[in-house]
Structures are given as C-alpha cells and as structure tokens.
C-alpha cells in the first residue's frame, strides 16, 4: 500500500531562518533515521494555499502501511537518533497556534471504493 502523511503548522516567531538552517544541516540524517516503512519526502513552506488554517510549514512522509504510523509514534518517543532529531525539528513549531493541519492520503489504486 501507499500512503502520504501530511502534517502542517506554524513556526514560533522568528524561527523560519533557524528551520531553514536546521534542515540544511540535518535533513539527510533525519530522512535516513526514519523508522522502517517510512520515507521522508520533505518539509515545505506553503507558498500559497486555499486552506487558511493549515499553517505555514508542511511535512510529507510516505508510509508503506497504516501500521507505519505506530512505528513513527514509537520512534518519536525513543531516545535514539530519530527521536532526538524529531524533538529538535518540532521545537521550532508553535504548539500554541490554532493553525494546524493533518491528513492521511491513500493511493487511489489501493483504496476500497464503496457504493458504485
């Protein structure tokens, strides 16, 4: 199966350049530290969007299964490299902001279609 996990939110005030520098220095290592079955696609600024409350920064991950979400959550709680990098990255996000979004997309070719 093929899923895309999309999470978006706002940064803390004044953290945009810090995020850019952090990703420049750590993005390859972060991608390589992903748990099994998860591919880091990237972290993006929204240049324009119709969603007014989705936040300014968006991360996309490719998952091989629903279960990959559990592996991602478990790895984020561990003291290993992925957990460390995840904590560093998300420390720049504004957890008090109301502008957050999240979605799990499933490939149309893998989806179960009902009612047709």
N, C-alpha and C. Protein backbone atom coordinates (compact mmCIF):
# COMPACT_ATOMS: atom_id res chain seq x y z
N UNK A 1 0.83 -1.18 0.00
CA UNK A 1 0.00 0.00 0.00
C UNK A 1 0.88 1.24 0.00
N UNK A 2 0.26 2.35 -0.30
CA UNK A 2 0.98 3.60 -0.39
C UNK A 2 0.14 4.71 0.24
N UNK A 3 0.68 5.34 1.27
CA UNK A 3 0.01 6.44 1.97
C UNK A 3 0.95 7.64 2.01
N UNK A 4 0.36 8.83 2.04
CA UNK A 4 1.12 10.05 2.30
C UNK A 4 0.55 10.66 3.57
N UNK A 5 1.41 10.89 4.54
CA UNK A 5 1.04 11.55 5.79
C UNK A 5 1.45 13.01 5.66
N UNK A 6 0.50 13.90 5.85
CA UNK A 6 0.72 15.33 5.72
C UNK A 6 0.41 16.00 7.06
N UNK A 7 1.40 16.71 7.59
CA UNK A 7 1.20 17.49 8.80
C UNK A 7 1.71 18.90 8.55
N UNK A 8 0.95 19.88 9.01
CA UNK A 8 1.35 21.26 8.82
C UNK A 8 1.07 22.08 10.06
N UNK A 9 1.82 23.16 10.20
CA UNK A 9 1.62 24.05 11.33
C UNK A 9 2.44 25.31 11.18
N UNK A 10 2.32 26.16 12.16
CA UNK A 10 3.07 27.41 12.19
C UNK A 10 4.35 27.26 12.99
N UNK A 11 5.32 28.08 12.64
CA UNK A 11 6.56 28.15 13.40
C UNK A 11 6.41 29.18 14.51
N UNK A 12 7.24 29.04 15.53
CA UNK A 12 7.34 30.10 16.53
C UNK A 12 7.90 31.34 15.84
N UNK A 13 7.56 32.49 16.38
CA UNK A 13 8.01 33.76 15.82
C UNK A 13 9.53 33.78 15.68
N UNK A 14 10.02 34.15 14.52
CA UNK A 14 11.45 34.29 14.29
C UNK A 14 12.21 33.00 14.04
N UNK A 15 11.52 31.90 13.80
CA UNK A 15 12.18 30.60 13.63
C UNK A 15 12.35 30.15 12.18
N UNK A 16 11.92 30.93 11.21
CA UNK A 16 11.98 30.49 9.81
C UNK A 16 13.41 30.26 9.34
N UNK A 17 14.29 31.19 9.62
CA UNK A 17 15.69 31.00 9.19
C UNK A 17 16.36 29.87 9.96
N UNK A 18 16.00 29.72 11.22
CA UNK A 18 16.55 28.62 12.02
C UNK A 18 16.09 27.28 11.45
N UNK A 19 14.83 27.19 11.07
CA UNK A 19 14.33 25.96 10.45
C UNK A 19 15.08 25.68 9.16
N UNK A 20 15.25 26.69 8.34
CA UNK A 20 15.95 26.52 7.08
C UNK A 20 17.39 26.02 7.32
N UNK A 21 18.08 26.62 8.26
CA UNK A 21 19.45 26.21 8.58
C UNK A 21 19.48 24.79 9.16
N UNK A 22 18.52 24.48 10.03
CA UNK A 22 18.48 23.15 10.63
C UNK A 22 18.27 22.09 9.56
N UNK A 23 17.33 22.33 8.66
CA UNK A 23 17.08 21.36 7.59
C UNK A 23 18.28 21.25 6.66
N UNK A 24 18.94 22.36 6.37
CA UNK A 24 20.13 22.31 5.53
C UNK A 24 21.21 21.43 6.15
N UNK A 25 21.34 21.50 7.45
CA UNK A 25 22.37 20.74 8.16
C UNK A 25 21.95 19.31 8.50
N UNK A 26 20.64 19.05 8.67
CA UNK A 26 20.20 17.78 9.24
C UNK A 26 19.21 16.97 8.41
N UNK A 27 18.73 17.51 7.30
CA UNK A 27 17.64 16.85 6.58
C UNK A 27 18.01 15.45 6.08
N UNK A 28 19.20 15.27 5.57
CA UNK A 28 19.61 13.94 5.09
C UNK A 28 19.66 12.94 6.24
N UNK A 29 20.24 13.34 7.36
CA UNK A 29 20.31 12.46 8.52
C UNK A 29 18.92 12.15 9.06
N UNK A 30 18.05 13.15 9.07
CA UNK A 30 16.66 12.97 9.51
C UNK A 30 15.96 11.96 8.61
N UNK A 31 16.12 12.12 7.30
CA UNK A 31 15.50 11.19 6.35
C UNK A 31 16.01 9.77 6.56
N UNK A 32 17.30 9.62 6.78
CA UNK A 32 17.89 8.29 6.99
C UNK A 32 17.51 7.66 8.32
N UNK A 33 17.09 8.47 9.28
CA UNK A 33 16.72 7.97 10.60
C UNK A 33 15.26 7.54 10.69
N UNK A 34 14.50 7.75 9.62
CA UNK A 34 13.08 7.38 9.65
C UNK A 34 12.91 5.89 9.98
N UNK A 35 11.86 5.57 10.72
CA UNK A 35 11.59 4.15 11.01
C UNK A 35 11.32 3.36 9.74
N UNK A 36 11.41 2.06 9.86
CA UNK A 36 11.17 1.16 8.74
C UNK A 36 9.80 1.41 8.12
N UNK A 37 9.75 1.44 6.80
CA UNK A 37 8.50 1.61 6.09
C UNK A 37 8.06 3.05 5.91
N UNK A 38 8.91 4.01 6.32
CA UNK A 38 8.57 5.42 6.22
C UNK A 38 9.66 6.13 5.43
N UNK A 39 9.23 6.88 4.43
CA UNK A 39 10.16 7.67 3.62
C UNK A 39 9.84 9.14 3.83
N UNK A 40 10.84 9.89 4.19
CA UNK A 40 10.71 11.33 4.33
C UNK A 40 10.68 11.95 2.94
N UNK A 41 9.61 12.64 2.60
CA UNK A 41 9.52 13.32 1.31
C UNK A 41 10.10 14.72 1.41
N UNK A 42 9.74 15.44 2.46
CA UNK A 42 10.31 16.77 2.63
C UNK A 42 9.48 17.64 3.55
N UNK A 43 10.05 18.79 3.86
CA UNK A 43 9.40 19.82 4.66
C UNK A 43 9.33 21.07 3.80
N UNK A 44 8.15 21.66 3.72
CA UNK A 44 7.89 22.71 2.75
C UNK A 44 7.20 23.91 3.39
N UNK A 45 7.52 25.11 2.89
CA UNK A 45 6.73 26.29 3.19
C UNK A 45 5.56 26.30 2.23
N UNK A 46 4.38 26.67 2.71
CA UNK A 46 3.22 26.85 1.83
C UNK A 46 3.38 28.20 1.14
N UNK A 47 3.60 28.18 -0.16
CA UNK A 47 3.77 29.41 -0.92
C UNK A 47 2.41 30.06 -1.18
N UNK A 48 1.41 29.23 -1.38
CA UNK A 48 0.01 29.66 -1.41
C UNK A 48 -0.85 28.44 -1.14
N UNK A 49 -2.01 28.67 -0.57
CA UNK A 49 -2.93 27.58 -0.24
C UNK A 49 -4.32 28.15 -0.03
N UNK A 50 -5.32 27.35 -0.34
CA UNK A 50 -6.69 27.78 -0.09
C UNK A 50 -7.08 27.52 1.37
N UNK A 51 -6.36 26.64 2.04
CA UNK A 51 -6.60 26.35 3.45
C UNK A 51 -5.97 27.46 4.29
N UNK A 52 -6.78 28.25 4.93
CA UNK A 52 -6.29 29.41 5.69
C UNK A 52 -5.83 29.07 7.10
N UNK A 53 -6.06 27.84 7.55
CA UNK A 53 -5.69 27.48 8.92
C UNK A 53 -4.73 26.30 8.97
N UNK A 54 -4.09 25.98 7.87
CA UNK A 54 -3.21 24.82 7.83
C UNK A 54 -1.79 25.07 8.27
N UNK A 55 -1.44 26.32 8.53
CA UNK A 55 -0.09 26.64 8.95
C UNK A 55 0.82 26.94 7.78
N UNK A 56 2.01 27.39 8.09
CA UNK A 56 2.96 27.84 7.08
C UNK A 56 3.92 26.75 6.62
N UNK A 57 4.16 25.75 7.46
CA UNK A 57 5.16 24.73 7.17
C UNK A 57 4.48 23.36 7.14
N UNK A 58 4.83 22.57 6.14
CA UNK A 58 4.18 21.28 5.93
C UNK A 58 5.23 20.19 5.72
N UNK A 59 5.01 19.06 6.36
CA UNK A 59 5.89 17.91 6.21
C UNK A 59 5.12 16.77 5.56
N UNK A 60 5.77 16.11 4.62
CA UNK A 60 5.17 14.98 3.92
C UNK A 60 6.03 13.74 4.11
N UNK A 61 5.37 12.65 4.49
CA UNK A 61 6.02 11.36 4.65
C UNK A 61 5.27 10.33 3.84
N UNK A 62 5.98 9.39 3.25
CA UNK A 62 5.35 8.27 2.57
C UNK A 62 5.40 7.07 3.50
N UNK A 63 4.24 6.43 3.70
CA UNK A 63 4.12 5.28 4.59
C UNK A 63 3.78 4.04 3.78
N UNK A 64 4.30 2.90 4.20
CA UNK A 64 4.02 1.65 3.49
C UNK A 64 2.76 0.96 3.99
N UNK A 65 2.19 1.45 5.11
CA UNK A 65 1.01 0.80 5.69
C UNK A 65 0.42 1.71 6.77
N UNK A 66 -0.79 1.37 7.20
CA UNK A 66 -1.36 2.06 8.36
C UNK A 66 -0.47 1.88 9.58
N UNK A 67 0.10 0.69 9.73
CA UNK A 67 0.94 0.37 10.88
C UNK A 67 2.18 1.24 10.98
N UNK A 68 2.60 1.83 9.87
CA UNK A 68 3.78 2.70 9.90
C UNK A 68 3.56 3.89 10.83
N UNK A 69 2.31 4.31 11.00
CA UNK A 69 2.02 5.40 11.92
C UNK A 69 2.40 5.03 13.35
N UNK A 70 2.17 3.77 13.72
CA UNK A 70 2.54 3.30 15.06
C UNK A 70 4.06 3.28 15.21
N UNK A 71 4.77 2.85 14.18
CA UNK A 71 6.24 2.83 14.24
C UNK A 71 6.78 4.26 14.34
N UNK A 72 6.16 5.19 13.63
CA UNK A 72 6.59 6.58 13.68
C UNK A 72 6.39 7.15 15.08
N UNK A 73 5.24 6.90 15.66
CA UNK A 73 4.95 7.40 17.01
C UNK A 73 5.91 6.80 18.03
N UNK A 74 6.16 5.50 17.94
CA UNK A 74 7.06 4.84 18.88
C UNK A 74 8.48 5.38 18.75
N UNK A 75 8.94 5.56 17.52
CA UNK A 75 10.31 6.06 17.30
C UNK A 75 10.46 7.48 17.82
N UNK A 76 9.41 8.28 17.75
CA UNK A 76 9.47 9.64 18.26
C UNK A 76 9.59 9.72 19.76
N UNK A 77 9.17 8.67 20.45
CA UNK A 77 9.25 8.64 21.92
C UNK A 77 10.55 8.04 22.41
N UNK A 78 11.31 7.42 21.52
CA UNK A 78 12.56 6.76 21.93
C UNK A 78 13.69 7.77 22.05
N UNK A 79 14.76 7.36 22.72
CA UNK A 79 15.92 8.22 22.92
C UNK A 79 16.93 8.15 21.78
N UNK A 80 16.61 7.45 20.69
CA UNK A 80 17.53 7.28 19.58
C UNK A 80 17.64 8.53 18.71
N UNK A 81 18.35 8.37 17.60
CA UNK A 81 18.62 9.48 16.70
C UNK A 81 17.34 10.10 16.15
N UNK A 82 16.39 9.28 15.73
CA UNK A 82 15.16 9.83 15.17
C UNK A 82 14.43 10.69 16.20
N UNK A 83 14.28 10.20 17.41
CA UNK A 83 13.61 10.97 18.46
C UNK A 83 14.30 12.29 18.73
N UNK A 84 15.63 12.26 18.77
CA UNK A 84 16.41 13.48 19.00
C UNK A 84 16.17 14.50 17.89
N UNK A 85 16.28 14.04 16.65
CA UNK A 85 16.09 14.95 15.52
C UNK A 85 14.65 15.46 15.44
N UNK A 86 13.71 14.58 15.71
CA UNK A 86 12.29 14.98 15.70
C UNK A 86 12.04 16.06 16.75
N UNK A 87 12.60 15.88 17.94
CA UNK A 87 12.43 16.88 19.00
C UNK A 87 13.04 18.22 18.59
N UNK A 88 14.24 18.18 18.00
CA UNK A 88 14.89 19.42 17.56
C UNK A 88 14.04 20.13 16.51
N UNK A 89 13.57 19.37 15.53
CA UNK A 89 12.78 19.95 14.45
C UNK A 89 11.50 20.57 14.98
N UNK A 90 10.75 19.81 15.75
CA UNK A 90 9.45 20.30 16.19
C UNK A 90 9.52 21.30 17.33
N UNK A 91 10.70 21.51 17.91
CA UNK A 91 10.84 22.56 18.92
C UNK A 91 10.69 23.95 18.31
N UNK A 92 10.81 24.04 16.98
CA UNK A 92 10.67 25.32 16.30
C UNK A 92 9.21 25.63 15.95
N UNK A 93 8.34 24.64 16.09
CA UNK A 93 6.93 24.83 15.75
C UNK A 93 6.17 25.43 16.92
N UNK A 94 5.18 26.21 16.60
CA UNK A 94 4.36 26.90 17.60
C UNK A 94 3.21 26.00 18.03
N UNK A 95 3.34 25.35 19.16
CA UNK A 95 2.29 24.44 19.62
C UNK A 95 1.10 25.18 20.23
N UNK A 96 1.18 26.51 20.32
CA UNK A 96 0.06 27.31 20.81
C UNK A 96 -0.79 27.86 19.66
N UNK A 97 -0.30 27.72 18.44
CA UNK A 97 -1.02 28.24 17.28
C UNK A 97 -2.28 27.42 17.01
N UNK A 98 -3.29 28.09 16.50
CA UNK A 98 -4.52 27.40 16.08
C UNK A 98 -4.40 26.89 14.65
N UNK A 99 -3.32 27.21 13.98
CA UNK A 99 -3.14 26.86 12.57
C UNK A 99 -2.36 25.56 12.43
N UNK A 100 -3.10 24.46 12.41
CA UNK A 100 -2.52 23.12 12.25
C UNK A 100 -3.36 22.33 11.27
N UNK A 101 -2.76 21.42 10.58
CA UNK A 101 -3.49 20.54 9.69
C UNK A 101 -2.83 19.17 9.69
N UNK A 102 -3.61 18.19 9.36
CA UNK A 102 -3.08 16.84 9.24
C UNK A 102 -4.00 16.02 8.35
N UNK A 103 -3.41 15.15 7.56
CA UNK A 103 -4.20 14.30 6.68
C UNK A 103 -3.39 13.05 6.36
N UNK A 104 -4.11 11.97 6.14
CA UNK A 104 -3.51 10.73 5.66
C UNK A 104 -4.17 10.42 4.33
N UNK A 105 -3.38 10.40 3.28
CA UNK A 105 -3.88 10.13 1.95
C UNK A 105 -3.50 8.71 1.54
N UNK A 106 -4.44 8.01 0.93
CA UNK A 106 -4.20 6.65 0.44
C UNK A 106 -4.26 6.67 -1.08
N UNK A 107 -3.36 5.98 -1.71
CA UNK A 107 -3.33 5.90 -3.16
C UNK A 107 -4.68 5.45 -3.70
N UNK A 108 -5.15 6.11 -4.74
CA UNK A 108 -6.44 5.76 -5.34
C UNK A 108 -6.44 4.30 -5.79
N UNK A 109 -5.32 3.83 -6.30
CA UNK A 109 -5.27 2.44 -6.78
C UNK A 109 -5.31 1.43 -5.66
N UNK A 110 -5.03 1.85 -4.42
CA UNK A 110 -5.09 0.96 -3.26
C UNK A 110 -6.39 1.12 -2.46
N UNK A 111 -7.16 2.15 -2.76
CA UNK A 111 -8.35 2.46 -1.98
C UNK A 111 -9.49 1.49 -2.28
N UNK A 112 -10.28 1.23 -1.27
CA UNK A 112 -11.50 0.45 -1.44
C UNK A 112 -12.63 1.41 -1.79
N UNK A 113 -13.30 1.15 -2.89
CA UNK A 113 -14.37 2.02 -3.36
C UNK A 113 -15.70 1.37 -3.03
N UNK A 114 -16.57 2.11 -2.33
CA UNK A 114 -17.88 1.60 -1.96
C UNK A 114 -18.97 2.35 -2.73
N UNK A 115 -20.08 1.70 -2.96
CA UNK A 115 -21.28 2.35 -3.44
C UNK A 115 -21.36 2.67 -4.91
N UNK A 116 -20.53 2.09 -5.73
CA UNK A 116 -20.66 2.34 -7.17
C UNK A 116 -21.10 1.09 -7.89
